[in-house]
N, C-alpha and C. Protein backbone atom coordinates (compact mmCIF):
# COMPACT_ATOMS: atom_id res chain seq x y z
N MET A 1 115.75 115.73 110.01
CA MET A 1 115.44 114.85 108.82
C MET A 1 114.62 115.82 107.65
N ASN A 2 114.44 115.36 106.75
CA ASN A 2 114.09 116.52 105.63
C ASN A 2 112.13 115.65 105.75
N GLN A 3 111.95 116.85 105.35
CA GLN A 3 109.95 116.96 105.54
C GLN A 3 109.60 116.59 104.14
N PHE A 4 108.55 115.66 104.28
CA PHE A 4 108.04 114.74 103.09
C PHE A 4 106.57 115.19 103.01
N SER A 5 106.22 115.28 101.93
CA SER A 5 104.75 115.57 101.64
C SER A 5 104.08 114.36 102.39
N GLU A 6 102.64 114.36 102.72
CA GLU A 6 101.97 113.34 103.36
C GLU A 6 101.90 111.92 102.23
N GLU A 7 101.78 112.54 100.67
CA GLU A 7 101.92 111.42 99.93
C GLU A 7 103.76 110.60 99.86
N ASP A 8 104.35 111.23 99.88
CA ASP A 8 106.17 110.78 99.94
C ASP A 8 106.08 110.24 101.42
N LEU A 9 105.49 110.67 102.38
CA LEU A 9 105.72 110.10 103.68
C LEU A 9 104.87 108.79 103.50
N SER A 10 103.53 108.53 102.81
CA SER A 10 102.93 107.43 103.09
C SER A 10 103.46 106.36 102.05
N ARG A 11 104.34 106.89 101.09
CA ARG A 11 104.98 105.92 100.31
C ARG A 11 105.98 105.09 100.78
N ILE A 12 106.76 105.97 101.51
CA ILE A 12 108.06 105.47 102.21
C ILE A 12 107.74 104.38 103.21
N ILE A 13 106.18 104.48 104.10
CA ILE A 13 106.09 103.56 104.87
C ILE A 13 105.60 102.56 103.99
N GLU A 14 104.64 102.49 102.86
CA GLU A 14 104.35 101.37 102.45
C GLU A 14 105.55 100.48 101.85
N MET A 15 106.49 101.53 101.13
CA MET A 15 107.77 100.56 100.99
C MET A 15 108.46 100.00 101.62
N ALA A 16 108.59 100.59 103.50
CA ALA A 16 108.93 99.79 104.47
C ALA A 16 108.82 98.69 104.71
N TRP A 17 107.00 98.66 104.39
CA TRP A 17 106.60 97.70 105.01
C TRP A 17 106.40 96.55 104.03
N GLU A 18 106.95 96.71 102.70
CA GLU A 18 106.91 95.76 101.64
C GLU A 18 108.24 95.04 101.86
N ASP A 19 107.72 93.38 101.54
CA ASP A 19 108.99 92.33 102.06
C ASP A 19 109.89 92.72 101.24
N ARG A 20 109.53 92.81 100.00
CA ARG A 20 110.63 92.61 98.30
C ARG A 20 111.07 93.98 98.46
N THR A 21 110.69 94.96 98.75
CA THR A 21 111.30 96.31 98.91
C THR A 21 112.27 96.58 99.55
N PRO A 22 113.84 96.73 98.91
CA PRO A 22 115.13 96.86 99.90
C PRO A 22 115.27 98.13 100.35
N PHE A 23 115.85 98.23 101.69
CA PHE A 23 115.84 99.78 102.22
C PHE A 23 116.61 100.34 101.16
N GLU A 24 117.68 99.83 100.51
CA GLU A 24 118.33 100.34 99.28
C GLU A 24 117.73 101.10 98.08
N ALA A 25 116.26 100.54 97.79
CA ALA A 25 115.27 101.28 97.12
C ALA A 25 114.92 102.37 97.45
N ILE A 26 114.61 102.40 98.98
CA ILE A 26 114.10 103.81 99.33
C ILE A 26 115.27 104.66 99.39
N GLN A 27 116.35 104.27 99.91
CA GLN A 27 117.35 105.08 99.91
C GLN A 27 117.53 106.00 98.46
N CYS A 28 117.57 105.12 97.53
CA CYS A 28 117.51 105.79 95.95
C CYS A 28 116.56 106.50 95.77
N GLU A 29 115.39 106.46 96.06
CA GLU A 29 114.01 107.26 95.85
C GLU A 29 113.88 108.32 96.87
N PHE A 30 114.31 108.34 98.15
CA PHE A 30 113.90 109.12 98.84
C PHE A 30 115.33 110.15 99.93
N GLY A 31 116.20 109.22 99.85
CA GLY A 31 117.48 109.65 100.09
C GLY A 31 117.45 109.36 101.72
N LEU A 32 116.73 108.12 101.86
CA LEU A 32 116.87 107.87 103.24
C LEU A 32 117.70 106.52 103.84
N ASN A 33 118.56 106.81 104.32
CA ASN A 33 119.15 105.11 104.60
C ASN A 33 118.23 104.36 105.56
N GLU A 34 118.94 103.27 105.96
CA GLU A 34 117.84 102.12 107.04
C GLU A 34 117.62 102.88 108.24
N ALA A 35 118.83 103.42 108.89
CA ALA A 35 118.74 104.13 109.84
C ALA A 35 117.48 104.99 109.77
N ALA A 36 117.73 106.16 108.81
CA ALA A 36 116.48 107.08 108.83
C ALA A 36 115.15 106.57 108.68
N VAL A 37 115.02 105.51 107.69
CA VAL A 37 113.83 104.76 107.57
C VAL A 37 113.24 104.30 109.01
N ILE A 38 114.00 103.86 109.79
CA ILE A 38 113.56 103.06 110.99
C ILE A 38 113.31 104.35 112.08
N ARG A 39 113.82 105.72 111.94
CA ARG A 39 113.32 106.82 112.80
C ARG A 39 112.06 107.05 112.46
N LEU A 40 111.82 107.16 111.14
CA LEU A 40 110.82 107.84 110.22
C LEU A 40 109.44 106.70 110.77
N MET A 41 109.85 105.33 110.85
CA MET A 41 108.59 104.91 111.33
C MET A 41 108.49 104.55 112.81
N ARG A 42 109.39 104.86 113.53
CA ARG A 42 109.28 105.13 114.89
C ARG A 42 108.16 106.58 115.15
N GLN A 43 108.77 107.43 114.70
CA GLN A 43 107.52 108.60 114.72
C GLN A 43 106.39 108.55 113.76
N ASN A 44 106.12 107.69 113.28
CA ASN A 44 105.01 107.79 112.35
C ASN A 44 104.00 106.57 112.49
N MET A 45 104.49 105.65 113.51
CA MET A 45 103.50 104.65 113.86
C MET A 45 103.18 104.52 115.32
N LYS A 46 102.38 104.17 115.66
CA LYS A 46 102.19 103.36 117.08
C LYS A 46 103.23 102.35 117.49
N PRO A 47 103.48 102.61 118.71
CA PRO A 47 104.43 101.91 119.28
C PRO A 47 104.39 100.47 119.02
N SER A 48 103.03 99.95 119.06
CA SER A 48 103.05 98.48 118.97
C SER A 48 103.24 98.01 117.44
N SER A 49 103.06 99.06 116.62
CA SER A 49 102.68 98.77 114.93
C SER A 49 104.42 98.98 114.81
N PHE A 50 105.12 99.43 115.25
CA PHE A 50 106.79 99.85 115.16
C PHE A 50 107.22 98.76 115.54
N LYS A 51 106.92 97.88 116.84
CA LYS A 51 107.46 96.92 117.09
C LYS A 51 107.15 95.94 116.05
N MET A 52 105.60 95.65 115.76
CA MET A 52 105.49 94.37 114.50
C MET A 52 106.70 94.94 113.53
N TRP A 53 106.39 95.62 112.82
CA TRP A 53 107.25 96.08 111.89
C TRP A 53 108.87 96.02 112.25
N ARG A 54 109.36 96.27 113.21
CA ARG A 54 110.75 95.86 113.28
C ARG A 54 110.73 94.30 113.38
N ALA A 55 110.00 93.68 113.89
CA ALA A 55 110.14 92.09 114.35
C ALA A 55 110.19 91.65 112.63
N ARG A 56 109.45 92.17 112.17
CA ARG A 56 108.96 91.52 110.71
C ARG A 56 110.31 91.79 109.71
N VAL A 57 110.92 93.12 109.66
CA VAL A 57 111.78 93.10 108.91
C VAL A 57 113.26 92.87 109.36
N THR A 58 113.44 92.80 110.76
CA THR A 58 114.81 92.13 111.24
C THR A 58 115.21 91.01 110.64
N GLY A 59 116.51 91.14 109.80
CA GLY A 59 117.25 90.11 109.50
C GLY A 59 116.26 89.52 108.22
N ARG A 60 115.44 90.28 107.67
CA ARG A 60 114.62 89.44 106.17
C ARG A 60 115.42 89.90 105.32
N LYS A 61 115.56 88.87 104.57
CA LYS A 61 116.97 88.91 103.35
C LYS A 61 116.33 89.90 102.32
N THR A 62 115.01 90.02 101.91
CA THR A 62 114.57 90.64 100.93
C THR A 62 114.70 92.10 100.97
N LYS A 63 115.13 92.54 102.53
CA LYS A 63 115.19 93.89 102.80
C LYS A 63 116.54 94.78 102.51
N HIS A 64 117.25 93.66 101.97
CA HIS A 64 118.90 94.19 102.05
C HIS A 64 119.43 93.27 100.62
N LEU A 65 119.50 94.24 99.78
CA LEU A 65 120.20 93.72 98.45
C LEU A 65 121.55 92.64 98.60
N GLN A 66 122.28 93.15 99.58
CA GLN A 66 123.35 91.95 99.67
C GLN A 66 122.94 90.89 100.29
N LEU A 67 121.74 90.74 100.57
CA LEU A 67 121.60 89.17 101.33
C LEU A 67 120.07 88.60 100.54
N ARG A 68 119.97 89.65 99.37
CA ARG A 68 118.89 88.68 98.36
C ARG A 68 119.51 87.84 97.86
N LEU A 69 118.76 86.73 97.71
CA LEU A 69 119.19 85.47 96.50
C LEU A 69 119.01 86.44 95.05
N PRO A 70 120.00 85.84 94.71
CA PRO A 70 119.85 86.52 92.76
C PRO A 70 118.70 86.41 92.25
N ASP A 71 117.81 85.37 92.24
CA ASP A 71 116.71 84.71 91.46
C ASP A 71 115.62 85.90 92.04
N VAL A 72 115.84 86.79 93.49
CA VAL A 72 114.63 87.89 93.35
C VAL A 72 115.00 88.88 92.50
N ILE A 73 114.26 89.59 91.98
CA ILE A 73 114.71 90.51 90.94
C ILE A 73 113.71 91.49 91.03
N ARG A 74 112.56 91.42 91.47
CA ARG A 74 111.43 92.34 91.95
C ARG A 74 111.33 92.79 93.00
N ALA A 75 110.72 94.19 93.00
CA ALA A 75 110.69 94.49 94.26
C ALA A 75 109.09 94.10 94.49
N TYR A 76 108.06 93.68 93.68
CA TYR A 76 106.90 93.15 94.33
C TYR A 76 106.49 91.70 93.87
N CYS A 77 105.64 91.02 94.28
CA CYS A 77 105.17 89.63 93.89
C CYS A 77 104.39 89.76 92.90
N SER A 78 104.88 88.80 92.17
CA SER A 78 103.82 88.64 90.90
C SER A 78 102.47 88.54 90.89
N ARG A 79 101.79 87.96 92.05
CA ARG A 79 100.53 88.19 92.86
C ARG A 79 100.06 89.80 93.25
N GLN A 80 100.81 90.12 93.39
CA GLN A 80 100.52 91.91 94.09
C GLN A 80 99.66 92.80 93.46
N TYR A 81 98.56 93.19 93.86
CA TYR A 81 97.81 94.42 93.12
C TYR A 81 99.02 94.80 92.47
N LYS A 82 99.08 95.75 91.34
CA LYS A 82 99.66 96.80 90.75
C LYS A 82 98.95 97.94 90.50
N ARG A 83 99.58 99.31 91.02
CA ARG A 83 98.43 100.51 90.63
C ARG A 83 98.99 101.16 89.51
N PHE A 84 99.92 100.44 89.08
CA PHE A 84 100.19 101.32 87.59
C PHE A 84 100.13 100.45 86.24
């Protein structure tokens, strides 16, 4: 697996937790497919946190572009705090 800076690792984990950020966006930005993101999350989280994350994202339509409804066009909720 690639070595990431602490900042990149933090951003990948953040994107993986975000409901509206699809795995494809993580792959585009960091080159990690869904399986690699799962491995990264398993290696960098406590077992209980990893299990909670897996339960949260498994089957979540917004985490996969092919399953998304066409009206979901943003990665962020309009009410979510924006850093930029």
